[in-house]
Amino acid sequence: MPDVAPPRTTSLDDLLEHAHRAIELAQAAGADDAVAALSADRGLEFRWRDGRIENVTENASRGMGIS
């Protein structure tokens, strides 16, 4: 079965394209039905100490599940 690359962008059109492609691949592999779930998250954390910013952390995650 061909690999499906994880989304590299969070635009809605790109995420939907990846979901549609994953469903097509699952059905081509013999699935009667398939559901794709995609997620994209970004976070920003500020840590303060003694009234000053001590640390700033940015994170991002993306995921896709097929069932």
PDB file of N, CA and C in Angstrom:
ATOM      1  N   MET A   1       0.848  -1.175   0.000  1.00  0.00           N
ATOM      2  CA  MET A   1       0.000   0.000   0.000  1.00  0.00           C
ATOM      3  C   MET A   1       0.892   1.237   0.000  1.00  0.00           C
ATOM      4  N   PRO A   2       0.607   2.239  -0.835  1.00  0.00           N
ATOM      5  CA  PRO A   2       1.431   3.453  -0.890  1.00  0.00           C
ATOM      6  C   PRO A   2       1.356   4.242   0.410  1.00  0.00           C
ATOM      7  N   ASP A   3       2.440   4.935   0.722  1.00  0.00           N
ATOM      8  CA  ASP A   3       2.468   5.787   1.907  1.00  0.00           C
ATOM      9  C   ASP A   3       1.649   7.041   1.665  1.00  0.00           C
ATOM     10  N   VAL A   4       1.021   7.531   2.722  1.00  0.00           N
ATOM     11  CA  VAL A   4       0.315   8.810   2.681  1.00  0.00           C
ATOM     12  C   VAL A   4       1.110   9.759   3.554  1.00  0.00           C
ATOM     13  N   ALA A   5       1.659  10.802   2.960  1.00  0.00           N
ATOM     14  CA  ALA A   5       2.476  11.755   3.712  1.00  0.00           C
ATOM     15  C   ALA A   5       1.580  12.557   4.657  1.00  0.00           C
ATOM     16  N   PRO A   6       2.057  12.836   5.871  1.00  0.00           N
ATOM     17  CA  PRO A   6       1.268  13.659   6.789  1.00  0.00           C
ATOM     18  C   PRO A   6       1.166  15.085   6.268  1.00  0.00           C
ATOM     19  N   PRO A   7       0.086  15.758   6.605  1.00  0.00           N
ATOM     20  CA  PRO A   7      -0.064  17.136   6.155  1.00  0.00           C
ATOM     21  C   PRO A   7       1.071  18.024   6.647  1.00  0.00           C
ATOM     22  N   ARG A   8       1.587  18.896   5.789  1.00  0.00           N
ATOM     23  CA  ARG A   8       2.645  19.830   6.173  1.00  0.00           C
ATOM     24  C   ARG A   8       2.108  21.235   6.323  1.00  0.00           C
ATOM     25  N   THR A   9       0.832  21.386   6.188  1.00  0.00           N
ATOM     26  CA  THR A   9       0.208  22.690   6.314  1.00  0.00           C
ATOM     27  C   THR A   9      -1.118  22.514   7.045  1.00  0.00           C
ATOM     28  N   THR A  10      -1.641  23.576   7.564  1.00  0.00           N
ATOM     29  CA  THR A  10      -2.893  23.463   8.288  1.00  0.00           C
ATOM     30  C   THR A  10      -4.050  24.086   7.526  1.00  0.00           C
ATOM     31  N   SER A  11      -3.865  24.405   6.238  1.00  0.00           N
ATOM     32  CA  SER A  11      -4.984  24.970   5.500  1.00  0.00           C
ATOM     33  C   SER A  11      -6.066  23.902   5.342  1.00  0.00           C
ATOM     34  N   LEU A  12      -7.304  24.321   5.423  1.00  0.00           N
ATOM     35  CA  LEU A  12      -8.422  23.390   5.355  1.00  0.00           C
ATOM     36  C   LEU A  12      -8.429  22.605   4.049  1.00  0.00           C
ATOM     37  N   ASP A  13      -8.173  23.259   2.932  1.00  0.00           N
ATOM     38  CA  ASP A  13      -8.163  22.573   1.641  1.00  0.00           C
ATOM     39  C   ASP A  13      -7.118  21.467   1.597  1.00  0.00           C
ATOM     40  N   ASP A  14      -5.923  21.734   2.109  1.00  0.00           N
ATOM     41  CA  ASP A  14      -4.862  20.715   2.117  1.00  0.00           C
ATOM     42  C   ASP A  14      -5.227  19.537   3.024  1.00  0.00           C
ATOM     43  N   LEU A  15      -5.776  19.827   4.196  1.00  0.00           N
ATOM     44  CA  LEU A  15      -6.170  18.750   5.104  1.00  0.00           C
ATOM     45  C   LEU A  15      -7.258  17.883   4.478  1.00  0.00           C
ATOM     46  N   LEU A  16      -8.227  18.494   3.829  1.00  0.00           N
ATOM     47  CA  LEU A  16      -9.293  17.729   3.183  1.00  0.00           C
ATOM     48  C   LEU A  16      -8.756  16.877   2.034  1.00  0.00           C
ATOM     49  N   GLU A  17      -7.805  17.412   1.300  1.00  0.00           N
ATOM     50  CA  GLU A  17      -7.190  16.656   0.209  1.00  0.00           C
ATOM     51  C   GLU A  17      -6.505  15.394   0.740  1.00  0.00           C
ATOM     52  N   HIS A  18      -5.781  15.515   1.849  1.00  0.00           N
ATOM     53  CA  HIS A  18      -5.114  14.359   2.451  1.00  0.00           C
ATOM     54  C   HIS A  18      -6.139  13.341   2.949  1.00  0.00           C
ATOM     55  N   ALA A  19      -7.228  13.810   3.537  1.00  0.00           N
ATOM     56  CA  ALA A  19      -8.264  12.897   4.022  1.00  0.00           C
ATOM     57  C   ALA A  19      -8.896  12.140   2.862  1.00  0.00           C
ATOM     58  N   HIS A  20      -9.223  12.839   1.794  1.00  0.00           N
ATOM     59  CA  HIS A  20      -9.819  12.181   0.622  1.00  0.00           C
ATOM     60  C   HIS A  20      -8.866  11.149   0.033  1.00  0.00           C
ATOM     61  N   ARG A  21      -7.601  11.491  -0.065  1.00  0.00           N
ATOM     62  CA  ARG A  21      -6.607  10.567  -0.630  1.00  0.00           C
ATOM     63  C   ARG A  21      -6.456   9.318   0.252  1.00  0.00           C
ATOM     64  N   ALA A  22      -6.452   9.498   1.551  1.00  0.00           N
ATOM     65  CA  ALA A  22      -6.329   8.367   2.472  1.00  0.00           C
ATOM     66  C   ALA A  22      -7.530   7.435   2.340  1.00  0.00           C
ATOM     67  N   ILE A  23      -8.719   7.989   2.203  1.00  0.00           N
ATOM     68  CA  ILE A  23      -9.924   7.175   2.033  1.00  0.00           C
ATOM     69  C   ILE A  23      -9.866   6.417   0.710  1.00  0.00           C
ATOM     70  N   GLU A  24      -9.446   7.090  -0.354  1.00  0.00           N
ATOM     71  CA  GLU A  24      -9.303   6.421  -1.657  1.00  0.00           C
ATOM     72  C   GLU A  24      -8.334   5.246  -1.574  1.00  0.00           C
ATOM     73  N   LEU A  25      -7.208   5.445  -0.884  1.00  0.00           N
ATOM     74  CA  LEU A  25      -6.220   4.363  -0.744  1.00  0.00           C
ATOM     75  C   LEU A  25      -6.777   3.196   0.062  1.00  0.00           C
ATOM     76  N   ALA A  26      -7.520   3.497   1.121  1.00  0.00           N
ATOM     77  CA  ALA A  26      -8.110   2.433   1.935  1.00  0.00           C
ATOM     78  C   ALA A  26      -9.117   1.627   1.120  1.00  0.00           C
ATOM     79  N   GLN A  27      -9.930   2.305   0.340  1.00  0.00           N
ATOM     80  CA  GLN A  27     -10.918   1.607  -0.482  1.00  0.00           C
ATOM     81  C   GLN A  27     -10.237   0.815  -1.599  1.00  0.00           C
ATOM     82  N   ALA A  28      -9.172   1.367  -2.179  1.00  0.00           N
ATOM     83  CA  ALA A  28      -8.432   0.645  -3.223  1.00  0.00           C
ATOM     84  C   ALA A  28      -7.777  -0.618  -2.658  1.00  0.00           C
ATOM     85  N   ALA A  29      -7.480  -0.598  -1.358  1.00  0.00           N
ATOM     86  CA  ALA A  29      -6.873  -1.762  -0.714  1.00  0.00           C
ATOM     87  C   ALA A  29      -7.922  -2.780  -0.263  1.00  0.00           C
ATOM     88  N   GLY A  30      -9.206  -2.495  -0.533  1.00  0.00           N
ATOM     89  CA  GLY A  30     -10.244  -3.471  -0.223  1.00  0.00           C
ATOM     90  C   GLY A  30     -11.221  -3.087   0.866  1.00  0.00           C
ATOM     91  N   ALA A  31     -11.083  -1.927   1.471  1.00  0.00           N
ATOM     92  CA  ALA A  31     -12.019  -1.517   2.520  1.00  0.00           C
ATOM     93  C   ALA A  31     -13.394  -1.230   1.907  1.00  0.00           C
ATOM     94  N   ASP A  32     -14.450  -1.716   2.563  1.00  0.00           N
ATOM     95  CA  ASP A  32     -15.811  -1.409   2.111  1.00  0.00           C
ATOM     96  C   ASP A  32     -16.168   0.032   2.434  1.00  0.00           C
ATOM     97  N   ASP A  33     -15.660   0.520   3.539  1.00  0.00           N
ATOM     98  CA  ASP A  33     -15.944   1.880   3.991  1.00  0.00           C
ATOM     99  C   ASP A  33     -14.715   2.381   4.742  1.00  0.00           C
ATOM    100  N   ALA A  34     -14.520   3.675   4.757  1.00  0.00           N
ATOM    101  CA  ALA A  34     -13.367   4.243   5.469  1.00  0.00           C
ATOM    102  C   ALA A  34     -13.720   5.623   5.993  1.00  0.00           C
ATOM    103  N   VAL A  35     -13.140   5.961   7.127  1.00  0.00           N
ATOM    104  CA  VAL A  35     -13.309   7.277   7.740  1.00  0.00           C
ATOM    105  C   VAL A  35     -11.921   7.819   8.040  1.00  0.00           C
ATOM    106  N   ALA A  36     -11.679   9.073   7.667  1.00  0.00           N
ATOM    107  CA  ALA A  36     -10.396   9.718   7.965  1.00  0.00           C
ATOM    108  C   ALA A  36     -10.636  10.836   8.977  1.00  0.00           C
ATOM    109  N   ALA A  37      -9.776  10.892   9.978  1.00  0.00           N
ATOM    110  CA  ALA A  37      -9.827  11.962  10.977  1.00  0.00           C
ATOM    111  C   ALA A  37      -8.477  12.666  10.984  1.00  0.00           C
ATOM    112  N   LEU A  38      -8.491  13.970  10.809  1.00  0.00           N
ATOM    113  CA  LEU A  38      -7.268  14.765  10.785  1.00  0.00           C
ATOM    114  C   LEU A  38      -7.280  15.781  11.915  1.00  0.00           C
ATOM    115  N   SER A  39      -6.099  16.086  12.422  1.00  0.00           N
ATOM    116  CA  SER A  39      -6.005  17.114  13.451  1.00  0.00           C
ATOM    117  C   SER A  39      -4.730  17.930  13.251  1.00  0.00           C
ATOM    118  N   ALA A  40      -4.802  19.181  13.653  1.00  0.00           N
ATOM    119  CA  ALA A  40      -3.640  20.072  13.626  1.00  0.00           C
ATOM    120  C   ALA A  40      -3.738  20.974  14.844  1.00  0.00           C
ATOM    121  N   ASP A  41      -2.660  21.057  15.590  1.00  0.00           N
ATOM    122  CA  ASP A  41      -2.615  21.853  16.821  1.00  0.00           C
ATOM    123  C   ASP A  41      -1.362  22.704  16.864  1.00  0.00           C
ATOM    124  N   ARG A  42      -1.495  23.900  17.423  1.00  0.00           N
ATOM    125  CA  ARG A  42      -0.329  24.757  17.706  1.00  0.00           C
ATOM    126  C   ARG A  42      -0.469  25.299  19.108  1.00  0.00           C
ATOM    127  N   GLY A  43       0.652  25.437  19.767  1.00  0.00           N
ATOM    128  CA  GLY A  43       0.625  25.964  21.126  1.00  0.00           C
ATOM    129  C   GLY A  43       1.782  26.911  21.380  1.00  0.00           C
ATOM    130  N   LEU A  44       1.577  27.798  22.317  1.00  0.00           N
ATOM    131  CA  LEU A  44       2.601  28.751  22.727  1.00  0.00           C
ATOM    132  C   LEU A  44       2.550  28.837  24.247  1.00  0.00           C
ATOM    133  N   GLU A  45       3.677  28.584  24.881  1.00  0.00           N
ATOM    134  CA  GLU A  45       3.745  28.578  26.342  1.00  0.00           C
ATOM    135  C   GLU A  45       4.744  29.627  26.815  1.00  0.00           C
ATOM    136  N   PHE A  46       4.335  30.423  27.796  1.00  0.00           N
ATOM    137  CA  PHE A  46       5.203  31.421  28.412  1.00  0.00           C
ATOM    138  C   PHE A  46       5.436  31.028  29.862  1.00  0.00           C
ATOM    139  N   ARG A  47       6.683  31.017  30.291  1.00  0.00           N
ATOM    140  CA  ARG A  47       7.003  30.756  31.697  1.00  0.00           C
ATOM    141  C   ARG A  47       7.575  32.033  32.306  1.00  0.00           C
ATOM    142  N   TRP A  48       7.006  32.387  33.432  1.00  0.00           N
ATOM    143  CA  TRP A  48       7.408  33.612  34.122  1.00  0.00           C
ATOM    144  C   TRP A  48       8.115  33.262  35.424  1.00  0.00           C
ATOM    145  N   ARG A  49       9.092  34.072  35.782  1.00  0.00           N
ATOM    146  CA  ARG A  49       9.761  33.942  37.071  1.00  0.00           C
ATOM    147  C   ARG A  49      10.138  35.343  37.534  1.00  0.00           C
ATOM    148  N   ASP A  50       9.778  35.641  38.756  1.00  0.00           N
ATOM    149  CA  ASP A  50      10.075  36.946  39.353  1.00  0.00           C
ATOM    150  C   ASP A  50       9.589  38.104  38.480  1.00  0.00           C
ATOM    151  N   GLY A  51       8.399  37.931  37.875  1.00  0.00           N
ATOM    152  CA  GLY A  51       7.798  39.003  37.091  1.00  0.00           C
ATOM    153  C   GLY A  51       8.374  39.189  35.698  1.00  0.00           C
ATOM    154  N   ARG A  52       9.245  38.277  35.261  1.00  0.00           N
ATOM    155  CA  ARG A  52       9.853  38.376  33.928  1.00  0.00           C
ATOM    156  C   ARG A  52       9.667  37.069  33.174  1.00  0.00           C
ATOM    157  N   ILE A  53       9.621  37.166  31.847  1.00  0.00           N
ATOM    158  CA  ILE A  53       9.530  35.959  31.031  1.00  0.00           C
ATOM    159  C   ILE A  53      10.852  35.209  31.127  1.00  0.00           C
ATOM    160  N   GLU A  54      10.751  33.933  31.512  1.00  0.00           N
ATOM    161  CA  GLU A  54      11.939  33.101  31.627  1.00  0.00           C
ATOM    162  C   GLU A  54      12.122  32.231  30.382  1.00  0.00           C
ATOM    163  N   ASN A  55      11.002  31.768  29.827  1.00  0.00           N
ATOM    164  CA  ASN A  55      11.087  30.835  28.703  1.00  0.00           C
ATOM    165  C   ASN A  55       9.825  30.944  27.855  1.00  0.00           C
ATOM    166  N   VAL A  56       9.990  30.852  26.540  1.00  0.00           N
ATOM    167  CA  VAL A  56       8.865  30.792  25.608  1.00  0.00           C
ATOM    168  C   VAL A  56       9.050  29.545  24.753  1.00  0.00           C
ATOM    169  N   THR A  57       8.006  28.722  24.685  1.00  0.00           N
ATOM    170  CA  THR A  57       8.060  27.484  23.916  1.00  0.00           C
ATOM    171  C   THR A  57       6.895  27.446  22.941  1.00  0.00           C
ATOM    172  N   GLU A  58       7.204  27.116  21.693  1.00  0.00           N
ATOM    173  CA  GLU A  58       6.167  26.942  20.670  1.00  0.00           C
ATOM    174  C   GLU A  58       6.169  25.484  20.246  1.00  0.00           C
ATOM    175  N   ASN A  59       4.972  24.920  20.035  1.00  0.00           N
ATOM    176  CA  ASN A  59       4.891  23.541  19.571  1.00  0.00           C
ATOM    177  C   ASN A  59       3.787  23.400  18.538  1.00  0.00           C
ATOM    178  N   ALA A  60       3.915  22.388  17.712  1.00  0.00           N
ATOM    179  CA  ALA A  60       2.913  22.097  16.684  1.00  0.00           C
ATOM    180  C   ALA A  60       2.832  20.590  16.501  1.00  0.00           C
ATOM    181  N   SER A  61       1.635  20.094  16.232  1.00  0.00           N
ATOM    182  CA  SER A  61       1.469  18.670  15.956  1.00  0.00           C
ATOM    183  C   SER A  61       0.375  18.484  14.920  1.00  0.00           C
ATOM    184  N   ARG A  62       0.513  17.409  14.155  1.00  0.00           N
ATOM    185  CA  ARG A  62      -0.469  17.046  13.146  1.00  0.00           C
ATOM    186  C   ARG A  62      -0.657  15.537  13.209  1.00  0.00           C
ATOM    187  N   GLY A  63      -1.861  15.102  12.910  1.00  0.00           N
ATOM    188  CA  GLY A  63      -2.102  13.664  12.922  1.00  0.00           C
ATOM    189  C   GLY A  63      -3.229  13.275  11.984  1.00  0.00           C
ATOM    190  N   MET A  64      -3.216  11.992  11.591  1.00  0.00           N
ATOM    191  CA  MET A  64      -4.281  11.463  10.754  1.00  0.00           C
ATOM    192  C   MET A  64      -4.560  10.032  11.184  1.00  0.00           C
ATOM    193  N   GLY A  65      -5.829   9.711  11.288  1.00  0.00           N
ATOM    194  CA  GLY A  65      -6.240   8.352  11.606  1.00  0.00           C
ATOM    195  C   GLY A  65      -7.241   7.857  10.568  1.00  0.00           C
ATOM    196  N   ILE A  66      -7.141   6.590  10.231  1.00  0.00           N
ATOM    197  CA  ILE A  66      -8.050   5.975   9.265  1.00  0.00           C
ATOM    198  C   ILE A  66      -8.732   4.798   9.980  1.00  0.00           C
ATOM    199  N   SER A  67     -10.040   4.724   9.846  1.00  0.00           N
ATOM    200  CA  SER A  67     -10.751   3.569  10.407  1.00  0.00           C
ATOM    201  C   SER A  67     -11.851   3.148   9.468  1.00  0.00           C
TER     202      SER A  67
END
